[in-house]
Amino acid sequence: MVSVPVSASGFKPPSKTKNTRMKTKLAILLLLTSFGLQAAPGTKTYPLKTCLVSGNTLGSMGDPVTKVYDGQEIKFCCKPCVKKFEANQAKYLAKLSR
């Protein structure tokens, strides 16, 4: 059995195996965020180039926020629009069906 030295504070450095697993998880996370997460299969894509709530062009307020509601992808120009949508979903979803 190999003993690992422990400092006076009781800190024991993580093993190389734990470091490798952590690096692998980080690499996977970075890949997912850099390529963007795709909606689940069967989800209807968002057909508009504008925010369903404000009417602003997507991307005009930074990166669009994407959510899925009942199998329909919805894109918003900003986080405050998500809250407005969630307060009255029927009103905004009616705009999609036109």
PDB file of N, CA and C in Angstrom:
ATOM      1  N   MET A   1       0.843  -1.176   0.000  1.00  0.00           N
ATOM      2  CA  MET A   1       0.000   0.000   0.000  1.00  0.00           C
ATOM      3  C   MET A   1       0.891   1.242   0.000  1.00  0.00           C
ATOM      4  N   VAL A   2       0.508   2.247  -0.775  1.00  0.00           N
ATOM      5  CA  VAL A   2       1.279   3.477  -0.885  1.00  0.00           C
ATOM      6  C   VAL A   2       0.660   4.522   0.019  1.00  0.00           C
ATOM      7  N   SER A   3       1.493   5.179   0.803  1.00  0.00           N
ATOM      8  CA  SER A   3       0.965   6.236   1.661  1.00  0.00           C
ATOM      9  C   SER A   3       1.173   7.583   0.976  1.00  0.00           C
ATOM     10  N   VAL A   4       0.203   8.450   1.142  1.00  0.00           N
ATOM     11  CA  VAL A   4       0.261   9.784   0.561  1.00  0.00           C
ATOM     12  C   VAL A   4       0.516  10.761   1.691  1.00  0.00           C
ATOM     13  N   PRO A   5       1.537  11.603   1.538  1.00  0.00           N
ATOM     14  CA  PRO A   5       1.810  12.560   2.612  1.00  0.00           C
ATOM     15  C   PRO A   5       0.662  13.560   2.752  1.00  0.00           C
ATOM     16  N   VAL A   6       0.334  13.868   3.966  1.00  0.00           N
ATOM     17  CA  VAL A   6      -0.713  14.824   4.276  1.00  0.00           C
ATOM     18  C   VAL A   6      -0.060  16.005   4.979  1.00  0.00           C
ATOM     19  N   SER A   7      -0.414  17.202   4.542  1.00  0.00           N
ATOM     20  CA  SER A   7       0.187  18.391   5.145  1.00  0.00           C
ATOM     21  C   SER A   7      -0.370  18.603   6.547  1.00  0.00           C
ATOM     22  N   ALA A   8       0.162  19.573   7.242  1.00  0.00           N
ATOM     23  CA  ALA A   8      -0.271  19.877   8.602  1.00  0.00           C
ATOM     24  C   ALA A   8      -1.745  20.295   8.642  1.00  0.00           C
ATOM     25  N   SER A   9      -2.257  20.841   7.520  1.00  0.00           N
ATOM     26  CA  SER A   9      -3.657  21.278   7.496  1.00  0.00           C
ATOM     27  C   SER A   9      -4.610  20.111   7.259  1.00  0.00           C
ATOM     28  N   GLY A  10      -4.076  18.943   6.933  1.00  0.00           N
ATOM     29  CA  GLY A  10      -4.916  17.785   6.678  1.00  0.00           C
ATOM     30  C   GLY A  10      -5.341  17.664   5.227  1.00  0.00           C
ATOM     31  N   PHE A  11      -4.869  18.572   4.359  1.00  0.00           N
ATOM     32  CA  PHE A  11      -5.221  18.532   2.941  1.00  0.00           C
ATOM     33  C   PHE A  11      -4.478  17.402   2.256  1.00  0.00           C
ATOM     34  N   LYS A  12      -5.202  16.620   1.511  1.00  0.00           N
ATOM     35  CA  LYS A  12      -4.622  15.532   0.744  1.00  0.00           C
ATOM     36  C   LYS A  12      -4.884  15.841  -0.728  1.00  0.00           C
ATOM     37  N   PRO A  13      -3.852  15.986  -1.553  1.00  0.00           N
ATOM     38  CA  PRO A  13      -4.068  16.331  -2.959  1.00  0.00           C
ATOM     39  C   PRO A  13      -4.872  15.233  -3.668  1.00  0.00           C
ATOM     40  N   PRO A  14      -5.720  15.611  -4.636  1.00  0.00           N
ATOM     41  CA  PRO A  14      -6.507  14.607  -5.348  1.00  0.00           C
ATOM     42  C   PRO A  14      -5.617  13.670  -6.156  1.00  0.00           C
ATOM     43  N   SER A  15      -6.088  12.465  -6.339  1.00  0.00           N
ATOM     44  CA  SER A  15      -5.309  11.490  -7.097  1.00  0.00           C
ATOM     45  C   SER A  15      -5.309  11.855  -8.575  1.00  0.00           C
ATOM     46  N   LYS A  16      -4.379  11.277  -9.309  1.00  0.00           N
ATOM     47  CA  LYS A  16      -4.305  11.541 -10.746  1.00  0.00           C
ATOM     48  C   LYS A  16      -5.566  11.046 -11.446  1.00  0.00           C
ATOM     49  N   THR A  17      -6.151   9.982 -10.965  1.00  0.00           N
ATOM     50  CA  THR A  17      -7.379   9.459 -11.567  1.00  0.00           C
ATOM     51  C   THR A  17      -8.508  10.469 -11.435  1.00  0.00           C
ATOM     52  N   LYS A  18      -8.653  11.078 -10.269  1.00  0.00           N
ATOM     53  CA  LYS A  18      -9.693  12.080 -10.074  1.00  0.00           C
ATOM     54  C   LYS A  18      -9.442  13.283 -10.965  1.00  0.00           C
ATOM     55  N   ASN A  19      -8.182  13.690 -11.102  1.00  0.00           N
ATOM     56  CA  ASN A  19      -7.841  14.821 -11.965  1.00  0.00           C
ATOM     57  C   ASN A  19      -8.200  14.511 -13.415  1.00  0.00           C
ATOM     58  N   THR A  20      -7.934  13.299 -13.851  1.00  0.00           N
ATOM     59  CA  THR A  20      -8.231  12.908 -15.224  1.00  0.00           C
ATOM     60  C   THR A  20      -9.734  12.928 -15.463  1.00  0.00           C
ATOM     61  N   ARG A  21     -10.511  12.395 -14.524  1.00  0.00           N
ATOM     62  CA  ARG A  21     -11.970  12.405 -14.671  1.00  0.00           C
ATOM     63  C   ARG A  21     -12.506  13.835 -14.711  1.00  0.00           C
ATOM     64  N   MET A  22     -11.958  14.695 -13.855  1.00  0.00           N
ATOM     65  CA  MET A  22     -12.407  16.074 -13.807  1.00  0.00           C
ATOM     66  C   MET A  22     -12.091  16.781 -15.131  1.00  0.00           C
ATOM     67  N   LYS A  23     -10.905  16.543 -15.672  1.00  0.00           N
ATOM     68  CA  LYS A  23     -10.528  17.160 -16.944  1.00  0.00           C
ATOM     69  C   LYS A  23     -11.417  16.650 -18.075  1.00  0.00           C
ATOM     70  N   THR A  24     -11.755  15.377 -18.046  1.00  0.00           N
ATOM     71  CA  THR A  24     -12.626  14.808 -19.073  1.00  0.00           C
ATOM     72  C   THR A  24     -14.008  15.436 -19.016  1.00  0.00           C
ATOM     73  N   LYS A  25     -14.566  15.570 -17.818  1.00  0.00           N
ATOM     74  CA  LYS A  25     -15.881  16.192 -17.653  1.00  0.00           C
ATOM     75  C   LYS A  25     -15.850  17.640 -18.125  1.00  0.00           C
ATOM     76  N   LEU A  26     -14.792  18.351 -17.799  1.00  0.00           N
ATOM     77  CA  LEU A  26     -14.665  19.740 -18.217  1.00  0.00           C
ATOM     78  C   LEU A  26     -14.586  19.839 -19.742  1.00  0.00           C
ATOM     79  N   ALA A  27     -13.833  18.949 -20.369  1.00  0.00           N
ATOM     80  CA  ALA A  27     -13.706  18.958 -21.824  1.00  0.00           C
ATOM     81  C   ALA A  27     -15.057  18.701 -22.490  1.00  0.00           C
ATOM     82  N   ILE A  28     -15.823  17.764 -21.943  1.00  0.00           N
ATOM     83  CA  ILE A  28     -17.145  17.464 -22.502  1.00  0.00           C
ATOM     84  C   ILE A  28     -18.065  18.673 -22.350  1.00  0.00           C
ATOM     85  N   LEU A  29     -18.032  19.300 -21.196  1.00  0.00           N
ATOM     86  CA  LEU A  29     -18.854  20.479 -20.958  1.00  0.00           C
ATOM     87  C   LEU A  29     -18.502  21.602 -21.929  1.00  0.00           C
ATOM     88  N   LEU A  30     -17.221  21.824 -22.144  1.00  0.00           N
ATOM     89  CA  LEU A  30     -16.790  22.868 -23.074  1.00  0.00           C
ATOM     90  C   LEU A  30     -17.233  22.563 -24.498  1.00  0.00           C
ATOM     91  N   LEU A  31     -17.150  21.314 -24.899  1.00  0.00           N
ATOM     92  CA  LEU A  31     -17.599  20.938 -26.244  1.00  0.00           C
ATOM     93  C   LEU A  31     -19.095  21.178 -26.409  1.00  0.00           C
ATOM     94  N   LEU A  32     -19.874  20.782 -25.419  1.00  0.00           N
ATOM     95  CA  LEU A  32     -21.321  20.969 -25.507  1.00  0.00           C
ATOM     96  C   LEU A  32     -21.690  22.441 -25.587  1.00  0.00           C
ATOM     97  N   THR A  33     -21.044  23.269 -24.791  1.00  0.00           N
ATOM     98  CA  THR A  33     -21.389  24.690 -24.799  1.00  0.00           C
ATOM     99  C   THR A  33     -20.862  25.393 -26.043  1.00  0.00           C
ATOM    100  N   SER A  34     -19.732  24.961 -26.581  1.00  0.00           N
ATOM    101  CA  SER A  34     -19.187  25.634 -27.759  1.00  0.00           C
ATOM    102  C   SER A  34     -19.970  25.308 -29.019  1.00  0.00           C
ATOM    103  N   PHE A  35     -20.542  24.111 -29.105  1.00  0.00           N
ATOM    104  CA  PHE A  35     -21.319  23.742 -30.275  1.00  0.00           C
ATOM    105  C   PHE A  35     -22.801  24.009 -30.094  1.00  0.00           C
ATOM    106  N   GLY A  36     -23.208  24.386 -28.923  1.00  0.00           N
ATOM    107  CA  GLY A  36     -24.611  24.668 -28.648  1.00  0.00           C
ATOM    108  C   GLY A  36     -25.383  23.391 -28.427  1.00  0.00           C
ATOM    109  N   LEU A  37     -26.298  23.435 -27.500  1.00  0.00           N
ATOM    110  CA  LEU A  37     -27.121  22.272 -27.222  1.00  0.00           C
ATOM    111  C   LEU A  37     -28.301  22.277 -28.183  1.00  0.00           C
ATOM    112  N   GLN A  38     -28.575  21.165 -28.794  1.00  0.00           N
ATOM    113  CA  GLN A  38     -29.667  21.052 -29.741  1.00  0.00           C
ATOM    114  C   GLN A  38     -30.940  20.626 -29.014  1.00  0.00           C
ATOM    115  N   ALA A  39     -32.050  21.011 -29.557  1.00  0.00           N
ATOM    116  CA  ALA A  39     -33.331  20.594 -28.989  1.00  0.00           C
ATOM    117  C   ALA A  39     -33.502  19.094 -29.177  1.00  0.00           C
ATOM    118  N   ALA A  40     -34.292  18.501 -28.337  1.00  0.00           N
ATOM    119  CA  ALA A  40     -34.535  17.061 -28.401  1.00  0.00           C
ATOM    120  C   ALA A  40     -35.214  16.702 -29.720  1.00  0.00           C
ATOM    121  N   PRO A  41     -34.980  15.490 -30.222  1.00  0.00           N
ATOM    122  CA  PRO A  41     -35.651  15.059 -31.453  1.00  0.00           C
ATOM    123  C   PRO A  41     -37.167  15.146 -31.284  1.00  0.00           C
ATOM    124  N   GLY A  42     -37.851  15.574 -32.324  1.00  0.00           N
ATOM    125  CA  GLY A  42     -39.298  15.714 -32.250  1.00  0.00           C
ATOM    126  C   GLY A  42     -39.745  17.087 -31.799  1.00  0.00           C
ATOM    127  N   THR A  43     -38.825  17.925 -31.384  1.00  0.00           N
ATOM    128  CA  THR A  43     -39.156  19.282 -30.963  1.00  0.00           C
ATOM    129  C   THR A  43     -39.326  20.149 -32.205  1.00  0.00           C
ATOM    130  N   LYS A  44     -40.398  20.925 -32.239  1.00  0.00           N
ATOM    131  CA  LYS A  44     -40.630  21.834 -33.367  1.00  0.00           C
ATOM    132  C   LYS A  44     -39.675  23.005 -33.258  1.00  0.00           C
ATOM    133  N   THR A  45     -38.996  23.323 -34.344  1.00  0.00           N
ATOM    134  CA  THR A  45     -38.051  24.433 -34.325  1.00  0.00           C
ATOM    135  C   THR A  45     -38.791  25.768 -34.336  1.00  0.00           C
ATOM    136  N   TYR A  46     -38.134  26.765 -33.806  1.00  0.00           N
ATOM    137  CA  TYR A  46     -38.713  28.107 -33.726  1.00  0.00           C
ATOM    138  C   TYR A  46     -38.663  28.746 -35.108  1.00  0.00           C
ATOM    139  N   PRO A  47     -39.807  29.167 -35.662  1.00  0.00           N
ATOM    140  CA  PRO A  47     -39.840  29.650 -37.044  1.00  0.00           C
ATOM    141  C   PRO A  47     -39.526  31.129 -37.239  1.00  0.00           C
ATOM    142  N   LEU A  48     -39.472  31.906 -36.169  1.00  0.00           N
ATOM    143  CA  LEU A  48     -39.320  33.355 -36.301  1.00  0.00           C
ATOM    144  C   LEU A  48     -37.878  33.809 -36.121  1.00  0.00           C
ATOM    145  N   LYS A  49     -37.580  35.013 -36.610  1.00  0.00           N
ATOM    146  CA  LYS A  49     -36.263  35.615 -36.408  1.00  0.00           C
ATOM    147  C   LYS A  49     -36.347  36.729 -35.374  1.00  0.00           C
ATOM    148  N   THR A  50     -37.499  36.801 -34.719  1.00  0.00           N
ATOM    149  CA  THR A  50     -37.729  37.824 -33.694  1.00  0.00           C
ATOM    150  C   THR A  50     -38.192  37.159 -32.406  1.00  0.00           C
ATOM    151  N   CYS A  51     -38.056  37.883 -31.307  1.00  0.00           N
ATOM    152  CA  CYS A  51     -38.514  37.416 -29.998  1.00  0.00           C
ATOM    153  C   CYS A  51     -40.032  37.359 -29.999  1.00  0.00           C
ATOM    154  N   LEU A  52     -40.590  36.282 -29.500  1.00  0.00           N
ATOM    155  CA  LEU A  52     -42.031  36.095 -29.466  1.00  0.00           C
ATOM    156  C   LEU A  52     -42.709  37.111 -28.553  1.00  0.00           C
ATOM    157  N   VAL A  53     -42.007  37.603 -27.548  1.00  0.00           N
ATOM    158  CA  VAL A  53     -42.596  38.522 -26.571  1.00  0.00           C
ATOM    159  C   VAL A  53     -42.431  39.980 -26.989  1.00  0.00           C
ATOM    160  N   SER A  54     -41.200  40.392 -27.259  1.00  0.00           N
ATOM    161  CA  SER A  54     -40.937  41.813 -27.531  1.00  0.00           C
ATOM    162  C   SER A  54     -40.961  42.189 -29.006  1.00  0.00           C
ATOM    163  N   GLY A  55     -40.736  41.215 -29.873  1.00  0.00           N
ATOM    164  CA  GLY A  55     -40.636  41.516 -31.302  1.00  0.00           C
ATOM    165  C   GLY A  55     -39.251  41.950 -31.734  1.00  0.00           C
ATOM    166  N   ASN A  56     -38.306  42.038 -30.784  1.00  0.00           N
ATOM    167  CA  ASN A  56     -36.934  42.417 -31.118  1.00  0.00           C
ATOM    168  C   ASN A  56     -36.267  41.323 -31.954  1.00  0.00           C
ATOM    169  N   THR A  57     -35.360  41.711 -32.820  1.00  0.00           N
ATOM    170  CA  THR A  57     -34.595  40.749 -33.607  1.00  0.00           C
ATOM    171  C   THR A  57     -33.755  39.915 -32.661  1.00  0.00           C
ATOM    172  N   LEU A  58     -33.778  38.581 -32.864  1.00  0.00           N
ATOM    173  CA  LEU A  58     -32.969  37.700 -32.019  1.00  0.00           C
ATOM    174  C   LEU A  58     -31.497  38.036 -32.191  1.00  0.00           C
ATOM    175  N   GLY A  59     -30.782  38.152 -31.102  1.00  0.00           N
ATOM    176  CA  GLY A  59     -29.374  38.514 -31.122  1.00  0.00           C
ATOM    177  C   GLY A  59     -29.132  39.998 -30.913  1.00  0.00           C
ATOM    178  N   SER A  60     -30.193  40.801 -30.949  1.00  0.00           N
ATOM    179  CA  SER A  60     -30.016  42.246 -30.776  1.00  0.00           C
ATOM    180  C   SER A  60     -29.738  42.624 -29.328  1.00  0.00           C
ATOM    181  N   MET A  61     -30.043  41.720 -28.396  1.00  0.00           N
ATOM    182  CA  MET A  61     -29.836  41.987 -26.968  1.00  0.00           C
ATOM    183  C   MET A  61     -28.818  40.997 -26.390  1.00  0.00           C
ATOM    184  N   GLY A  62     -27.936  40.489 -27.223  1.00  0.00           N
ATOM    185  CA  GLY A  62     -27.003  39.451 -26.798  1.00  0.00           C
ATOM    186  C   GLY A  62     -27.469  38.110 -27.329  1.00  0.00           C
ATOM    187  N   ASP A  63     -26.902  37.035 -26.815  1.00  0.00           N
ATOM    188  CA  ASP A  63     -27.282  35.705 -27.271  1.00  0.00           C
ATOM    189  C   ASP A  63     -28.741  35.423 -26.919  1.00  0.00           C
ATOM    190  N   PRO A  64     -29.513  34.891 -27.869  1.00  0.00           N
ATOM    191  CA  PRO A  64     -30.906  34.557 -27.579  1.00  0.00           C
ATOM    192  C   PRO A  64     -31.010  33.467 -26.509  1.00  0.00           C
ATOM    193  N   VAL A  65     -32.099  33.483 -25.763  1.00  0.00           N
ATOM    194  CA  VAL A  65     -32.388  32.467 -24.756  1.00  0.00           C
ATOM    195  C   VAL A  65     -33.373  31.491 -25.398  1.00  0.00           C
ATOM    196  N   THR A  66     -33.051  30.197 -25.367  1.00  0.00           N
ATOM    197  CA  THR A  66     -33.905  29.188 -25.982  1.00  0.00           C
ATOM    198  C   THR A  66     -34.499  28.283 -24.919  1.00  0.00           C
ATOM    199  N   LYS A  67     -35.794  28.077 -24.992  1.00  0.00           N
ATOM    200  CA  LYS A  67     -36.524  27.191 -24.078  1.00  0.00           C
ATOM    201  C   LYS A  67     -37.434  26.309 -24.918  1.00  0.00           C
ATOM    202  N   VAL A  68     -37.867  25.185 -24.343  1.00  0.00           N
ATOM    203  CA  VAL A  68     -38.824  24.311 -25.016  1.00  0.00           C
ATOM    204  C   VAL A  68     -40.063  24.184 -24.130  1.00  0.00           C
ATOM    205  N   TYR A  69     -41.229  24.458 -24.711  1.00  0.00           N
ATOM    206  CA  TYR A  69     -42.508  24.364 -24.013  1.00  0.00           C
ATOM    207  C   TYR A  69     -43.412  23.440 -24.807  1.00  0.00           C
ATOM    208  N   ASP A  70     -43.839  22.344 -24.188  1.00  0.00           N
ATOM    209  CA  ASP A  70     -44.744  21.383 -24.821  1.00  0.00           C
ATOM    210  C   ASP A  70     -44.282  20.981 -26.223  1.00  0.00           C
ATOM    211  N   GLY A  71     -42.994  20.712 -26.363  1.00  0.00           N
ATOM    212  CA  GLY A  71     -42.464  20.251 -27.643  1.00  0.00           C
ATOM    213  C   GLY A  71     -42.207  21.340 -28.666  1.00  0.00           C
ATOM    214  N   GLN A  72     -42.370  22.599 -28.298  1.00  0.00           N
ATOM    215  CA  GLN A  72     -42.130  23.728 -29.197  1.00  0.00           C
ATOM    216  C   GLN A  72     -40.955  24.544 -28.687  1.00  0.00           C
ATOM    217  N   GLU A  73     -39.943  24.698 -29.519  1.00  0.00           N
ATOM    218  CA  GLU A  73     -38.798  25.541 -29.188  1.00  0.00           C
ATOM    219  C   GLU A  73     -39.237  27.001 -29.286  1.00  0.00           C
ATOM    220  N   ILE A  74     -38.884  27.791 -28.279  1.00  0.00           N
ATOM    221  CA  ILE A  74     -39.190  29.222 -28.254  1.00  0.00           C
ATOM    222  C   ILE A  74     -37.886  29.960 -28.008  1.00  0.00           C
ATOM    223  N   LYS A  75     -37.652  31.027 -28.771  1.00  0.00           N
ATOM    224  CA  LYS A  75     -36.449  31.846 -28.587  1.00  0.00           C
ATOM    225  C   LYS A  75     -36.844  33.238 -28.135  1.00  0.00           C
ATOM    226  N   PHE A  76     -36.068  33.738 -27.175  1.00  0.00           N
ATOM    227  CA  PHE A  76     -36.309  35.050 -26.591  1.00  0.00           C
ATOM    228  C   PHE A  76     -35.068  35.916 -26.772  1.00  0.00           C
ATOM    229  N   CYS A  77     -35.282  37.236 -26.830  1.00  0.00           N
ATOM    230  CA  CYS A  77     -34.146  38.148 -26.983  1.00  0.00           C
ATOM    231  C   CYS A  77     -33.380  38.322 -25.683  1.00  0.00           C
ATOM    232  N   CYS A  78     -34.048  38.094 -24.532  1.00  0.00           N
ATOM    233  CA  CYS A  78     -33.407  38.292 -23.232  1.00  0.00           C
ATOM    234  C   CYS A  78     -34.157  37.530 -22.144  1.00  0.00           C
ATOM    235  N   LYS A  79     -33.560  37.408 -20.976  1.00  0.00           N
ATOM    236  CA  LYS A  79     -34.175  36.670 -19.866  1.00  0.00           C
ATOM    237  C   LYS A  79     -35.482  37.289 -19.360  1.00  0.00           C
ATOM    238  N   PRO A  80     -35.602  38.626 -19.289  1.00  0.00           N
ATOM    239  CA  PRO A  80     -36.877  39.187 -18.827  1.00  0.00           C
ATOM    240  C   PRO A  80     -38.070  38.766 -19.700  1.00  0.00           C
ATOM    241  N   CYS A  81     -37.834  38.541 -20.988  1.00  0.00           N
ATOM    242  CA  CYS A  81     -38.923  38.110 -21.872  1.00  0.00           C
ATOM    243  C   CYS A  81     -39.388  36.694 -21.529  1.00  0.00           C
ATOM    244  N   VAL A  82     -38.482  35.866 -21.005  1.00  0.00           N
ATOM    245  CA  VAL A  82     -38.864  34.511 -20.592  1.00  0.00           C
ATOM    246  C   VAL A  82     -39.897  34.605 -19.470  1.00  0.00           C
ATOM    247  N   LYS A  83     -39.659  35.475 -18.497  1.00  0.00           N
ATOM    248  CA  LYS A  83     -40.600  35.636 -17.382  1.00  0.00           C
ATOM    249  C   LYS A  83     -41.956  36.142 -17.866  1.00  0.00           C
ATOM    250  N   LYS A  84     -41.947  37.100 -18.793  1.00  0.00           N
ATOM    251  CA  LYS A  84     -43.205  37.614 -19.340  1.00  0.00           C
ATOM    252  C   LYS A  84     -43.958  36.498 -20.064  1.00  0.00           C
ATOM    253  N   PHE A  85     -43.240  35.698 -20.829  1.00  0.00           N
ATOM    254  CA  PHE A  85     -43.858  34.592 -21.550  1.00  0.00           C
ATOM    255  C   PHE A  85     -44.473  33.593 -20.587  1.00  0.00           C
ATOM    256  N   GLU A  86     -43.737  33.228 -19.560  1.00  0.00           N
ATOM    257  CA  GLU A  86     -44.211  32.231 -18.604  1.00  0.00           C
ATOM    258  C   GLU A  86     -45.433  32.717 -17.822  1.00  0.00           C
ATOM    259  N   ALA A  87     -45.593  34.015 -17.691  1.00  0.00           N
ATOM    260  CA  ALA A  87     -46.748  34.561 -16.994  1.00  0.00           C
ATOM    261  C   ALA A  87     -48.023  34.456 -17.826  1.00  0.00           C
ATOM    262  N   ASN A  88     -47.890  34.402 -19.163  1.00  0.00           N
ATOM    263  CA  ASN A  88     -49.069  34.331 -20.036  1.00  0.00           C
ATOM    264  C   ASN A  88     -48.714  33.576 -21.321  1.00  0.00           C
ATOM    265  N   GLN A  89     -48.437  32.297 -21.191  1.00  0.00           N
ATOM    266  CA  GLN A  89     -48.001  31.481 -22.327  1.00  0.00           C
ATOM    267  C   GLN A  89     -49.013  31.457 -23.461  1.00  0.00           C
ATOM    268  N   ALA A  90     -50.276  31.313 -23.133  1.00  0.00           N
ATOM    269  CA  ALA A  90     -51.314  31.193 -24.168  1.00  0.00           C
ATOM    270  C   ALA A  90     -51.313  32.412 -25.097  1.00  0.00           C
ATOM    271  N   LYS A  91     -51.161  33.586 -24.534  1.00  0.00           N
ATOM    272  CA  LYS A  91     -51.159  34.828 -25.324  1.00  0.00           C
ATOM    273  C   LYS A  91     -50.042  34.797 -26.368  1.00  0.00           C
ATOM    274  N   TYR A  92     -48.848  34.403 -25.945  1.00  0.00           N
ATOM    275  CA  TYR A  92     -47.705  34.433 -26.855  1.00  0.00           C
ATOM    276  C   TYR A  92     -47.678  33.233 -27.807  1.00  0.00           C
ATOM    277  N   LEU A  93     -48.127  32.076 -27.351  1.00  0.00           N
ATOM    278  CA  LEU A  93     -48.167  30.911 -28.229  1.00  0.00           C
ATOM    279  C   LEU A  93     -49.177  31.101 -29.355  1.00  0.00           C
ATOM    280  N   ALA A  94     -50.220  31.911 -29.111  1.00  0.00           N
ATOM    281  CA  ALA A  94     -51.190  32.202 -30.158  1.00  0.00           C
ATOM    282  C   ALA A  94     -50.533  32.923 -31.325  1.00  0.00           C
ATOM    283  N   LYS A  95     -49.505  33.713 -31.064  1.00  0.00           N
ATOM    284  CA  LYS A  95     -48.778  34.416 -32.128  1.00  0.00           C
ATOM    285  C   LYS A  95     -48.070  33.423 -33.058  1.00  0.00           C
ATOM    286  N   LEU A  96     -47.637  32.286 -32.518  1.00  0.00           N
ATOM    287  CA  LEU A  96     -46.958  31.292 -33.336  1.00  0.00           C
ATOM    288  C   LEU A  96     -47.894  30.590 -34.304  1.00  0.00           C
ATOM    289  N   SER A  97     -49.143  30.405 -33.892  1.00  0.00           N
ATOM    290  CA  SER A  97     -50.070  29.647 -34.719  1.00  0.00           C
ATOM    291  C   SER A  97     -50.658  30.447 -35.882  1.00  0.00           C
ATOM    292  N   ARG A  98     -50.363  31.719 -35.950  1.00  0.00           N
ATOM    293  CA  ARG A  98     -50.885  32.561 -37.057  1.00  0.00           C
ATOM    294  C   ARG A  98     -50.198  32.239 -38.346  1.00  0.00           C
TER     295      ARG A  98
END
